[in-house]
C-alpha atoms as a PDB file:
ATOM      1  CA  MET A   1      13.583 -13.837 -38.089  1.00  0.00           C
ATOM      2  CA  LYS A   2      14.667 -11.153 -40.227  1.00  0.00           C
ATOM      3  CA  MET A   3      12.073  -7.502 -39.619  1.00  0.00           C
ATOM      4  CA  PRO A   4      10.915  -6.541 -42.965  1.00  0.00           C
ATOM      5  CA  LYS A   5      12.282  -3.095 -44.474  1.00  0.00           C
ATOM      6  CA  LEU A   6      10.295  -0.513 -44.405  1.00  0.00           C
ATOM      7  CA  PRO A   7      10.131   2.264 -47.350  1.00  0.00           C
ATOM      8  CA  GLY A   8      12.178   5.442 -45.904  1.00  0.00           C
ATOM      9  CA  GLY A   9       9.356   7.853 -45.980  1.00  0.00           C
ATOM     10  CA  ALA A  10       7.437   5.000 -43.430  1.00  0.00           C
ATOM     11  CA  MET A  11      10.338   4.855 -41.312  1.00  0.00           C
ATOM     12  CA  ARG A  12      10.790   8.833 -41.018  1.00  0.00           C
ATOM     13  CA  GLN A  13       6.746   9.005 -40.600  1.00  0.00           C
ATOM     14  CA  MET A  14       6.856   6.377 -37.933  1.00  0.00           C
ATOM     15  CA  MET A  15      10.173   8.273 -36.099  1.00  0.00           C
ATOM     16  CA  GLU A  16       8.371  11.367 -35.814  1.00  0.00           C
ATOM     17  CA  GLN A  17       5.514   9.868 -34.974  1.00  0.00           C
ATOM     18  CA  ALA A  18       7.313   8.396 -31.635  1.00  0.00           C
ATOM     19  CA  GLN A  19       8.684  11.332 -31.138  1.00  0.00           C
ATOM     20  CA  ARG A  20       5.558  13.196 -31.323  1.00  0.00           C
ATOM     21  CA  MET A  21       4.258  10.709 -28.429  1.00  0.00           C
ATOM     22  CA  MET A  22       7.625  11.217 -26.047  1.00  0.00           C
ATOM     23  CA  GLU A  23       6.766  14.887 -26.084  1.00  0.00           C
ATOM     24  CA  GLU A  24       3.443  14.806 -25.936  1.00  0.00           C
ATOM     25  CA  ALA A  25       4.127  12.074 -22.833  1.00  0.00           C
ATOM     26  CA  GLN A  26       6.447  14.433 -21.111  1.00  0.00           C
ATOM     27  CA  ARG A  27       3.586  16.963 -21.190  1.00  0.00           C
ATOM     28  CA  PHE A  28       1.257  14.860 -19.821  1.00  0.00           C
ATOM     29  CA  GLU A  29       3.331  14.050 -16.623  1.00  0.00           C
ATOM     30  CA  GLU A  30       4.559  17.493 -16.177  1.00  0.00           C
ATOM     31  CA  GLU A  31       0.544  18.842 -16.521  1.00  0.00           C
ATOM     32  CA  MET A  32       0.031  15.744 -13.568  1.00  0.00           C
ATOM     33  CA  ASP A  33       2.833  17.429 -11.365  1.00  0.00           C
ATOM     34  CA  LYS A  34       0.955  20.888 -11.612  1.00  0.00           C
ATOM     35  CA  LEU A  35      -2.348  19.628 -11.306  1.00  0.00           C
ATOM     36  CA  GLN A  36      -3.983  19.811  -7.552  1.00  0.00           C
ATOM     37  CA  VAL A  37      -6.791  17.871  -6.418  1.00  0.00           C
ATOM     38  CA  HIS A  38      -8.271  18.717  -3.398  1.00  0.00           C
ATOM     39  CA  ALA A  39     -10.835  16.686  -0.820  1.00  0.00           C
ATOM     40  CA  THR A  40     -12.157  17.331   2.567  1.00  0.00           C
ATOM     41  CA  ALA A  41     -13.223  14.734   5.095  1.00  0.00           C
ATOM     42  CA  GLY A  42     -15.130  15.951   8.374  1.00  0.00           C
ATOM     43  CA  GLY A  43     -17.620  18.786   6.868  1.00  0.00           C
ATOM     44  CA  GLY A  44     -14.349  20.456   5.378  1.00  0.00           C
ATOM     45  CA  VAL A  45     -12.461  20.686   8.501  1.00  0.00           C
ATOM     46  CA  VAL A  46      -9.521  18.078   6.928  1.00  0.00           C
ATOM     47  CA  LYS A  47      -8.523  19.175   3.802  1.00  0.00           C
ATOM     48  CA  ALA A  48      -5.931  17.006   1.626  1.00  0.00           C
ATOM     49  CA  THR A  49      -4.054  18.310  -1.613  1.00  0.00           C
ATOM     50  CA  VAL A  50      -2.264  16.187  -3.997  1.00  0.00           C
ATOM     51  CA  ASN A  51      -0.990  16.174  -7.155  1.00  0.00           C
ATOM     52  CA  GLY A  52      -1.839  14.573 -10.576  1.00  0.00           C
ATOM     53  CA  LYS A  53       0.189  12.017  -9.656  1.00  0.00           C
ATOM     54  CA  GLY A  54      -1.518  11.442  -6.096  1.00  0.00           C
ATOM     55  CA  VAL A  55       1.645  12.660  -4.334  1.00  0.00           C
ATOM     56  CA  LEU A  56       0.391  14.652  -1.057  1.00  0.00           C
ATOM     57  CA  MET A  57       1.430  18.392  -1.377  1.00  0.00           C
ATOM     58  CA  ALA A  58      -0.733  19.954   1.618  1.00  0.00           C
ATOM     59  CA  LEU A  59      -2.659  19.018   4.452  1.00  0.00           C
ATOM     60  CA  GLU A  60      -4.548  21.588   6.405  1.00  0.00           C
ATOM     61  CA  ILE A  61      -6.404  20.861   9.662  1.00  0.00           C
ATOM     62  CA  SER A  62      -8.832  23.268  11.577  1.00  0.00           C
ATOM     63  CA  PRO A  63      -7.838  23.645  15.209  1.00  0.00           C
ATOM     64  CA  ASP A  64     -11.923  23.192  16.132  1.00  0.00           C
ATOM     65  CA  VAL A  65     -11.135  19.058  15.414  1.00  0.00           C
ATOM     66  CA  ILE A  66      -8.095  18.557  17.601  1.00  0.00           C
ATOM     67  CA  ASP A  67      -9.310  16.790  20.418  1.00  0.00           C
ATOM     68  CA  PRO A  68      -6.135  15.113  22.596  1.00  0.00           C
ATOM     69  CA  SER A  69      -8.600  12.674  23.571  1.00  0.00           C
ATOM     70  CA  ASP A  70      -9.603  11.400  20.710  1.00  0.00           C
ATOM     71  CA  PRO A  71      -6.816  11.280  18.527  1.00  0.00           C
ATOM     72  CA  GLU A  72      -7.732   8.672  16.441  1.00  0.00           C
ATOM     73  CA  MET A  73     -10.834  10.404  14.967  1.00  0.00           C
ATOM     74  CA  LEU A  74      -8.107  13.092  13.467  1.00  0.00           C
ATOM     75  CA  GLN A  75      -5.939  10.182  12.301  1.00  0.00           C
ATOM     76  CA  ASP A  76      -9.173   8.517  10.581  1.00  0.00           C
ATOM     77  CA  LEU A  77     -10.187  12.049   8.958  1.00  0.00           C
ATOM     78  CA  ILE A  78      -6.750  12.430   7.757  1.00  0.00           C
ATOM     79  CA  VAL A  79      -6.435   9.155   6.145  1.00  0.00           C
ATOM     80  CA  SER A  80      -9.967   9.921   4.577  1.00  0.00           C
ATOM     81  CA  ALA A  81      -8.979  13.080   3.060  1.00  0.00           C
ATOM     82  CA  VAL A  82      -6.001  11.806   1.304  1.00  0.00           C
ATOM     83  CA  ARG A  83      -7.488   8.696   0.310  1.00  0.00           C
ATOM     84  CA  GLU A  84     -10.088  10.802  -1.385  1.00  0.00           C
ATOM     85  CA  ALA A  85      -7.908  13.004  -3.021  1.00  0.00           C
ATOM     86  CA  GLN A  86      -5.825  10.215  -4.639  1.00  0.00           C
ATOM     87  CA  THR A  87      -8.492   8.540  -6.065  1.00  0.00           C
ATOM     88  CA  GLN A  88     -10.061  11.733  -7.747  1.00  0.00           C
ATOM     89  CA  ALA A  89      -6.571  12.049  -8.697  1.00  0.00           C
ATOM     90  CA  GLU A  90      -6.003   8.907 -10.392  1.00  0.00           C
ATOM     91  CA  ASN A  91      -9.655   9.510 -11.709  1.00  0.00           C
ATOM     92  CA  LEU A  92      -8.481  12.766 -13.832  1.00  0.00           C
ATOM     93  CA  ARG A  93      -5.195  10.915 -14.683  1.00  0.00           C
ATOM     94  CA  VAL A  94      -7.049   8.082 -16.185  1.00  0.00           C
ATOM     95  CA  GLU A  95      -9.502   9.990 -18.014  1.00  0.00           C
ATOM     96  CA  ARG A  96      -6.828  12.523 -19.326  1.00  0.00           C
ATOM     97  CA  MET A  97      -4.634   9.567 -20.175  1.00  0.00           C
ATOM     98  CA  SER A  98      -7.290   8.045 -22.416  1.00  0.00           C
ATOM     99  CA  GLN A  99      -7.999  11.703 -24.302  1.00  0.00           C
ATOM    100  CA  LEU A 100      -4.220  11.907 -24.721  1.00  0.00           C
ATOM    101  CA  THR A 101      -3.896   8.164 -26.549  1.00  0.00           C
ATOM    102  CA  GLY A 102      -7.115   9.151 -28.088  1.00  0.00           C
ATOM    103  CA  GLY A 103      -8.623   5.466 -28.280  1.00  0.00           C
ATOM    104  CA  LEU A 104      -5.478   3.776 -29.542  1.00  0.00           C
ATOM    105  CA  GLY A 105      -5.942   1.166 -26.471  1.00  0.00           C
ATOM    106  CA  LEU A 106      -2.700   2.212 -25.023  1.00  0.00           C
ATOM    107  CA  ASP A 107      -3.627   2.647 -21.697  1.00  0.00           C
ATOM    108  CA  LYS A 108      -4.553  -1.002 -21.563  1.00  0.00           C
ATOM    109  CA  LEU A 109      -1.084  -1.997 -21.797  1.00  0.00           C
ATOM    110  CA  GLY A 110      -0.581  -0.978 -18.295  1.00  0.00           C
ATOM    111  CA  LEU A 111       2.408   1.398 -19.363  1.00  0.00           C
ATOM    112  CA  PRO A 112       3.390   4.217 -16.309  1.00  0.00           C
ATOM    113  CA  PHE A 113       2.496   7.246 -18.134  1.00  0.00           C
END
């Protein structure tokens, strides 16, 4: 099946639009790398920081919560703080992607950006 030819101006406009979308996607990815999301657990004794892609960047643990006789409690607090930070980062990512796509429905295509 042959693809219909587009007029020269329409093709150029489509290519320019695709280029703009690629540039915006690149800026979005850079923004997500720089974005920091913080979450705490145990009343703030464990603090996790992830970037906008959900990658753990930092973990702070108050010395007061370190109990050698109960490592499971500390483990649970760490997992809780990291998961919460990752959930918040994912929610921000989805929200900002929705703003970027401007309601074009591109977010429903399952694209990795």
